[in-house]
Amino acid sequence: MFVAMKRRALSTPLEVLFLLLLSNICCGSESDIECLRTLKQSLKDPHNYLVDWDFTNLYFEGSICSFTGVECWSATENKVLNLHLSNMGLEGHFPLGLEDCSSLTGLDLSNNHLSGPIPADISKTLTFVTTLDLSNNRFSGEIPIGLSNCRYLNVLDLQHNQLTGEIPWQMCHLIRLTSINVDDNLLSGPIPPFFSNLSSGSFANNPGLCDQLQTPDCPSIYEGNINFCGPPVSNNFSGTDAGMSSFYLSMGVGFATGFWVIFGALLFNMTWRTAYFLFMDSISDKIYVFVVLKWNRLIASIKRNKA
């Protein structure tokens, strides 16, 4: 996580403020409405959870934001931020039309009855996704290599499906990934060693999956991969922690008791400290994606005005 944070290029605070101030001049397009319309048509909804997805009376901006499972960037703008479609009994394949939800950052299709392969071009469909939950379905086939191009992905949950093949080594390019779960699938081959640096990783109940660090005869994922990302980066920050502890100890006399109630907990409780940094990491990614989307929308608006 810390390595990923160092490698990431973030906009300066002034750039972020400038783009946010300009955000009001850009408005949502019809593409998100078409996205939801196509998605609904591509799925079976036996329990009528999506019955309120009515596209006949959309007279004002933000109309789709009241749809079940739809979360928008703003309640007054037809721009979908997240789709929460879990536990709805939906049937069919991976839904169509999601590429038209160009601002989508979160997709939750867990606990449904979806089947078939995960699209090979999923990175083109979900360009800015940070959270993807396809767990507890019936997806089959291999984990697509294209998933490694979803470069903003933080959380990936594929557990309880019927996925086969190996975990693509190209997923080492997902430098923002903090959590992955592929429990209860039919995966085989080695677990990529770079996943050992994640805060949360689960690979249980895959009969053919092996750990290179614990299984001597497990094949090496490095063999034949000329463009491999390299061996896992050491995650030893003990020196940094010790230095920070000494700093806080030397400055302790100057701090009030109330300060230590909050920051002392983060300093001495590793679980809380980890959760704090993961939260801040996730927030920074969402801000970055938000700024990029607003900037692209601004450029598109300027081009339309010139035309």
Protein backbone atom coordinates (compact mmCIF):
# COMPACT_ATOMS: atom_id res chain seq x y z
CA MET A 1 0.00 0.00 0.00
CA PHE A 2 2.73 2.46 0.97
CA VAL A 3 4.68 1.63 -2.20
CA ALA A 4 1.57 2.21 -4.28
CA MET A 5 1.02 5.55 -2.62
CA LYS A 6 4.56 6.64 -3.49
CA ARG A 7 4.16 5.57 -7.10
CA ARG A 8 0.88 7.33 -7.61
CA ALA A 9 0.71 10.72 -9.32
CA LEU A 10 -1.87 12.86 -7.54
CA SER A 11 -3.16 16.28 -8.55
CA THR A 12 -2.07 19.23 -6.44
CA PRO A 13 -4.62 20.71 -4.01
CA LEU A 14 -4.96 23.82 -6.18
CA GLU A 15 -5.72 21.74 -9.26
CA VAL A 16 -8.32 19.74 -7.36
CA LEU A 17 -9.94 22.90 -5.99
CA PHE A 18 -9.96 24.50 -9.46
CA LEU A 19 -11.65 21.50 -11.08
CA LEU A 20 -14.22 21.16 -8.31
CA LEU A 21 -15.14 24.84 -8.67
CA LEU A 22 -15.70 24.26 -12.38
CA SER A 23 -17.79 21.12 -11.86
CA ASN A 24 -21.12 22.97 -11.89
CA ILE A 25 -20.77 23.98 -15.54
CA CYS A 26 -20.85 20.33 -16.63
CA CYS A 27 -24.03 18.31 -16.60
CA GLY A 28 -24.96 14.66 -17.02
CA SER A 29 -25.70 13.17 -20.41
CA GLU A 30 -28.24 10.64 -21.65
CA SER A 31 -25.59 7.93 -21.57
CA ASP A 32 -26.23 6.97 -17.93
CA ILE A 33 -29.95 6.63 -18.58
CA GLU A 34 -29.18 4.39 -21.55
CA CYS A 35 -26.75 2.44 -19.35
CA LEU A 36 -29.46 1.57 -16.83
CA ARG A 37 -32.04 0.87 -19.52
CA THR A 38 -29.72 -1.60 -21.28
CA LEU A 39 -28.67 -3.18 -17.99
CA LYS A 40 -32.28 -3.83 -16.99
CA GLN A 41 -33.10 -5.31 -20.40
CA SER A 42 -30.11 -7.66 -20.26
CA LEU A 43 -31.09 -9.22 -16.91
CA LYS A 44 -34.03 -11.23 -15.65
CA ASP A 45 -35.61 -9.78 -12.51
CA PRO A 46 -37.99 -12.49 -11.21
CA HIS A 47 -38.60 -10.70 -7.90
CA ASN A 48 -39.25 -7.28 -9.49
CA TYR A 49 -36.63 -5.44 -7.49
CA LEU A 50 -36.04 -3.18 -10.48
CA VAL A 51 -39.71 -2.42 -11.07
CA ASP A 52 -39.16 1.26 -10.19
CA TRP A 53 -36.61 1.61 -13.00
CA ASP A 54 -39.18 3.44 -15.11
CA PHE A 55 -37.72 5.31 -18.07
CA THR A 56 -40.97 6.85 -19.33
CA ASN A 57 -41.10 9.92 -17.07
CA LEU A 58 -37.53 11.25 -16.82
CA TYR A 59 -38.23 14.96 -17.10
CA PHE A 60 -35.48 16.38 -14.90
CA GLU A 61 -31.84 15.85 -13.93
CA GLY A 62 -31.40 13.32 -11.14
CA SER A 63 -34.48 11.27 -12.04
CA ILE A 64 -32.58 7.99 -12.12
CA CYS A 65 -30.96 8.68 -8.74
CA SER A 66 -34.10 7.47 -6.95
CA PHE A 67 -33.97 4.06 -8.67
CA THR A 68 -33.41 1.07 -6.40
CA GLY A 69 -29.70 0.33 -6.03
CA VAL A 70 -28.55 3.47 -7.87
CA GLU A 71 -26.23 5.96 -6.17
CA CYS A 72 -25.42 9.17 -8.04
CA TRP A 73 -22.62 11.68 -7.78
CA SER A 74 -25.31 14.26 -7.04
CA ALA A 75 -29.02 13.91 -6.38
CA THR A 76 -29.65 16.51 -9.09
CA GLU A 77 -27.49 14.97 -11.80
CA ASN A 78 -27.96 11.81 -13.85
CA LYS A 79 -24.43 10.54 -13.24
CA VAL A 80 -24.22 7.08 -11.64
CA LEU A 81 -21.51 6.69 -9.00
CA ASN A 82 -22.27 3.20 -7.62
CA LEU A 83 -24.64 0.34 -8.41
CA HIS A 84 -25.75 -1.77 -5.42
CA LEU A 85 -27.61 -4.72 -6.96
CA SER A 86 -26.84 -7.48 -4.46
CA ASN A 87 -29.33 -10.04 -3.11
CA MET A 88 -31.92 -9.37 -5.80
CA GLY A 89 -32.11 -12.82 -7.38
CA LEU A 90 -31.08 -11.38 -10.75
CA GLU A 91 -30.50 -13.91 -13.53
CA GLY A 92 -28.52 -13.85 -16.77
CA HIS A 93 -24.95 -13.06 -17.79
CA PHE A 94 -22.71 -10.14 -16.88
CA PRO A 95 -24.97 -7.15 -17.59
CA LEU A 96 -24.67 -5.11 -20.76
CA GLY A 97 -24.52 -1.35 -21.13
CA LEU A 98 -22.25 -0.55 -18.19
CA GLU A 99 -19.76 1.22 -20.45
CA ASP A 100 -22.36 3.99 -20.79
CA CYS A 101 -22.18 4.63 -17.03
CA SER A 102 -18.92 6.45 -17.65
CA SER A 103 -18.59 7.75 -14.06
CA LEU A 104 -19.21 4.41 -12.33
CA THR A 105 -16.75 3.68 -9.50
CA GLY A 106 -18.49 0.83 -7.67
CA LEU A 107 -20.35 -2.27 -8.88
CA ASP A 108 -21.94 -4.80 -6.52
CA LEU A 109 -23.66 -7.78 -8.20
CA SER A 110 -23.10 -10.20 -5.32
CA ASN A 111 -25.55 -12.90 -4.20
CA ASN A 112 -27.46 -13.24 -7.44
CA HIS A 113 -27.80 -16.00 -10.06
CA LEU A 114 -25.55 -14.60 -12.76
CA SER A 115 -23.53 -16.98 -14.92
CA GLY A 116 -21.21 -17.14 -17.89
CA PRO A 117 -17.76 -15.56 -18.29
CA ILE A 118 -16.54 -12.25 -16.93
CA PRO A 119 -16.06 -10.06 -20.05
CA ALA A 120 -12.52 -10.02 -21.44
CA ASP A 121 -12.81 -6.27 -22.07
CA ILE A 122 -14.07 -5.48 -18.58
CA SER A 123 -11.55 -2.64 -18.23
CA LYS A 124 -13.28 -0.83 -21.10
CA THR A 125 -16.65 -1.44 -19.51
CA LEU A 126 -15.59 -0.35 -15.99
CA THR A 127 -12.89 2.22 -16.64
CA PHE A 128 -12.94 3.97 -13.26
CA VAL A 129 -14.18 1.20 -10.96
CA THR A 130 -12.59 1.09 -7.49
CA THR A 131 -14.77 -1.65 -5.97
CA LEU A 132 -15.98 -4.74 -7.85
CA ASP A 133 -18.03 -7.43 -6.09
CA LEU A 134 -19.18 -10.40 -8.19
CA SER A 135 -19.22 -12.89 -5.31
CA ASN A 136 -21.80 -15.62 -4.72
CA ASN A 137 -22.85 -16.06 -8.34
CA ARG A 138 -22.16 -18.71 -10.99
CA PHE A 139 -19.58 -16.94 -13.13
CA SER A 140 -17.34 -19.39 -14.97
CA GLY A 141 -14.27 -19.37 -17.20
CA GLU A 142 -10.97 -17.70 -16.43
CA ILE A 143 -10.29 -14.47 -14.59
CA PRO A 144 -9.79 -12.13 -17.58
CA ILE A 145 -6.37 -10.59 -18.08
CA GLY A 146 -8.19 -7.38 -18.95
CA LEU A 147 -9.07 -7.01 -15.28
CA SER A 148 -5.46 -5.95 -14.71
CA ASN A 149 -6.22 -2.79 -16.71
CA CYS A 150 -8.77 -1.60 -14.15
CA ARG A 151 -6.01 0.49 -12.64
CA TYR A 152 -8.12 2.25 -9.99
CA LEU A 153 -9.35 -1.03 -8.47
CA ASN A 154 -9.07 -1.18 -4.64
CA VAL A 155 -11.31 -4.12 -3.73
CA LEU A 156 -12.00 -7.25 -5.81
CA ASP A 157 -14.36 -9.98 -4.57
CA LEU A 158 -14.86 -13.06 -6.79
CA GLN A 159 -15.52 -15.67 -4.11
CA HIS A 160 -18.11 -18.46 -4.46
CA ASN A 161 -18.18 -18.72 -8.25
CA GLN A 162 -16.99 -21.37 -10.73
CA LEU A 163 -13.90 -19.63 -12.08
CA THR A 164 -11.11 -21.78 -13.52
CA GLY A 165 -7.53 -21.40 -14.70
CA GLU A 166 -4.73 -19.41 -13.10
CA ILE A 167 -4.78 -16.00 -11.47
CA PRO A 168 -3.28 -13.69 -14.14
CA TRP A 169 0.20 -12.50 -13.17
CA GLN A 170 -0.61 -9.22 -14.95
CA MET A 171 -2.70 -8.28 -11.92
CA CYS A 172 0.55 -7.11 -10.33
CA HIS A 173 -0.13 -3.89 -12.25
CA LEU A 174 -3.07 -3.18 -9.92
CA ILE A 175 -0.95 -1.06 -7.58
CA ARG A 176 -4.01 0.33 -5.78
CA LEU A 177 -5.44 -3.10 -4.97
CA THR A 178 -5.75 -3.63 -1.20
CA SER A 179 -8.11 -6.60 -0.97
CA ILE A 180 -8.84 -9.67 -3.11
CA ASN A 181 -11.03 -12.69 -2.37
CA VAL A 182 -11.25 -15.69 -4.72
CA ASP A 183 -12.42 -18.30 -2.19
CA ASP A 184 -14.45 -21.30 -3.35
CA ASN A 185 -13.66 -21.38 -7.04
CA LEU A 186 -11.88 -23.92 -9.27
CA LEU A 187 -8.64 -21.99 -9.71
CA SER A 188 -5.26 -23.64 -10.19
CA GLY A 189 -1.59 -22.77 -10.38
CA PRO A 190 0.49 -20.52 -8.12
CA ILE A 191 -0.82 -17.67 -6.00
CA PRO A 192 1.03 -14.58 -7.28
CA PRO A 193 3.57 -13.60 -4.58
CA PHE A 194 2.84 -9.89 -4.90
CA PHE A 195 -0.54 -10.54 -3.25
CA SER A 196 1.32 -11.16 0.02
CA ASN A 197 1.64 -7.37 0.38
CA LEU A 198 -2.12 -6.84 0.40
CA SER A 199 -3.93 -6.05 3.63
CA SER A 200 -6.52 -8.71 2.85
CA GLY A 201 -6.23 -11.71 0.55
CA SER A 202 -8.18 -14.96 0.59
CA PHE A 203 -7.60 -17.94 -1.72
CA ALA A 204 -9.08 -20.90 0.21
CA ASN A 205 -11.04 -23.83 -1.23
CA ASN A 206 -9.42 -23.80 -4.67
CA PRO A 207 -8.11 -27.40 -4.97
CA GLY A 208 -5.51 -26.61 -7.66
CA LEU A 209 -4.18 -23.39 -6.17
CA CYS A 210 -0.78 -23.47 -4.44
CA ASP A 211 1.45 -21.06 -2.52
CA GLN A 212 5.01 -20.78 -3.85
CA LEU A 213 6.29 -19.78 -0.41
CA GLN A 214 4.85 -22.87 1.31
CA THR A 215 4.71 -25.54 -1.40
CA PRO A 216 8.12 -26.59 -2.81
CA ASP A 217 6.76 -28.13 -6.01
CA CYS A 218 4.44 -25.20 -6.80
CA PRO A 219 5.36 -23.83 -10.27
CA SER A 220 7.00 -20.43 -10.34
CA ILE A 221 4.91 -17.60 -11.70
CA TYR A 222 8.11 -15.86 -12.87
CA GLU A 223 8.96 -18.54 -15.45
CA GLY A 224 8.44 -17.35 -19.02
CA ASN A 225 7.09 -13.95 -17.98
CA ILE A 226 9.62 -11.56 -19.52
CA ASN A 227 7.62 -8.46 -18.68
CA PHE A 228 6.76 -9.54 -15.17
CA CYS A 229 6.41 -6.73 -12.63
CA GLY A 230 9.27 -8.06 -10.55
CA PRO A 231 9.56 -9.86 -7.21
CA PRO A 232 7.40 -8.66 -4.32
CA VAL A 233 8.52 -5.47 -2.63
CA SER A 234 9.48 -5.77 1.00
CA ASN A 235 6.82 -4.44 3.33
CA ASN A 236 9.13 -3.92 6.30
CA PHE A 237 8.56 -0.49 7.78
CA SER A 238 9.78 -1.29 11.29
CA GLY A 239 12.45 1.40 11.09
CA THR A 240 9.89 4.02 10.15
CA ASP A 241 7.54 2.94 12.94
CA ALA A 242 10.33 3.06 15.49
CA GLY A 243 11.35 6.53 14.36
CA MET A 244 7.79 7.80 14.60
CA SER A 245 7.40 6.24 18.05
CA SER A 246 10.52 8.03 19.29
CA PHE A 247 9.29 11.29 17.82
CA TYR A 248 5.90 11.03 19.48
CA LEU A 249 7.51 9.98 22.78
CA SER A 250 9.85 13.00 22.79
CA MET A 251 6.96 15.33 22.02
CA GLY A 252 4.53 13.69 24.46
CA VAL A 253 5.00 16.25 27.22
CA GLY A 254 3.72 18.98 24.93
CA PHE A 255 0.52 17.27 23.96
CA ALA A 256 -2.76 17.26 25.87
CA THR A 257 -4.39 14.07 27.09
CA GLY A 258 -7.19 14.41 24.54
CA PHE A 259 -4.69 14.29 21.69
CA TRP A 260 -3.32 10.94 22.87
CA VAL A 261 -6.77 9.43 23.24
CA ILE A 262 -7.15 9.67 19.43
CA PHE A 263 -3.67 9.57 17.94
CA GLY A 264 -2.20 7.34 20.61
CA ALA A 265 -4.66 4.63 19.59
CA LEU A 266 -3.48 4.85 15.97
CA LEU A 267 0.15 4.78 17.05
CA PHE A 268 0.01 1.72 19.28
CA ASN A 269 -2.86 -0.27 17.74
CA MET A 270 -1.68 -1.81 14.48
CA THR A 271 -5.20 -2.88 13.42
CA TRP A 272 -6.59 0.63 13.77
CA ARG A 273 -3.53 2.14 12.09
CA THR A 274 -3.89 -0.20 9.12
CA ALA A 275 -7.61 0.53 8.82
CA TYR A 276 -6.91 4.28 8.93
CA PHE A 277 -4.35 4.22 6.13
CA LEU A 278 -6.55 1.94 3.98
CA PHE A 279 -9.44 4.33 4.46
CA MET A 280 -7.31 7.35 3.49
CA ASP A 281 -5.92 5.41 0.50
CA SER A 282 -9.43 4.61 -0.71
CA ILE A 283 -10.60 8.21 -0.26
CA SER A 284 -7.62 9.57 -2.22
CA ASP A 285 -8.41 7.18 -5.09
CA LYS A 286 -12.05 8.27 -5.19
CA ILE A 287 -11.01 11.95 -5.20
CA TYR A 288 -8.54 11.28 -8.01
CA VAL A 289 -11.16 9.47 -10.10
CA PHE A 290 -13.69 12.24 -9.39
CA VAL A 291 -11.24 14.92 -10.57
CA VAL A 292 -10.33 13.00 -13.75
CA LEU A 293 -13.99 12.50 -14.63
CA LYS A 294 -14.85 16.16 -14.04
CA TRP A 295 -11.86 17.27 -16.09
CA ASN A 296 -12.81 15.01 -19.01
CA ARG A 297 -16.38 16.26 -18.82
CA LEU A 298 -15.16 19.88 -18.85
CA ILE A 299 -12.99 19.27 -21.94
CA ALA A 300 -15.90 17.58 -23.71
CA SER A 301 -18.17 20.52 -22.86
CA ILE A 302 -15.62 23.04 -24.20
CA LYS A 303 -15.28 21.06 -27.43
CA ARG A 304 -19.07 20.98 -27.86
CA ASN A 305 -19.29 24.74 -27.32
CA LYS A 306 -16.58 25.38 -29.91
CA ALA A 307 -18.36 23.14 -32.38
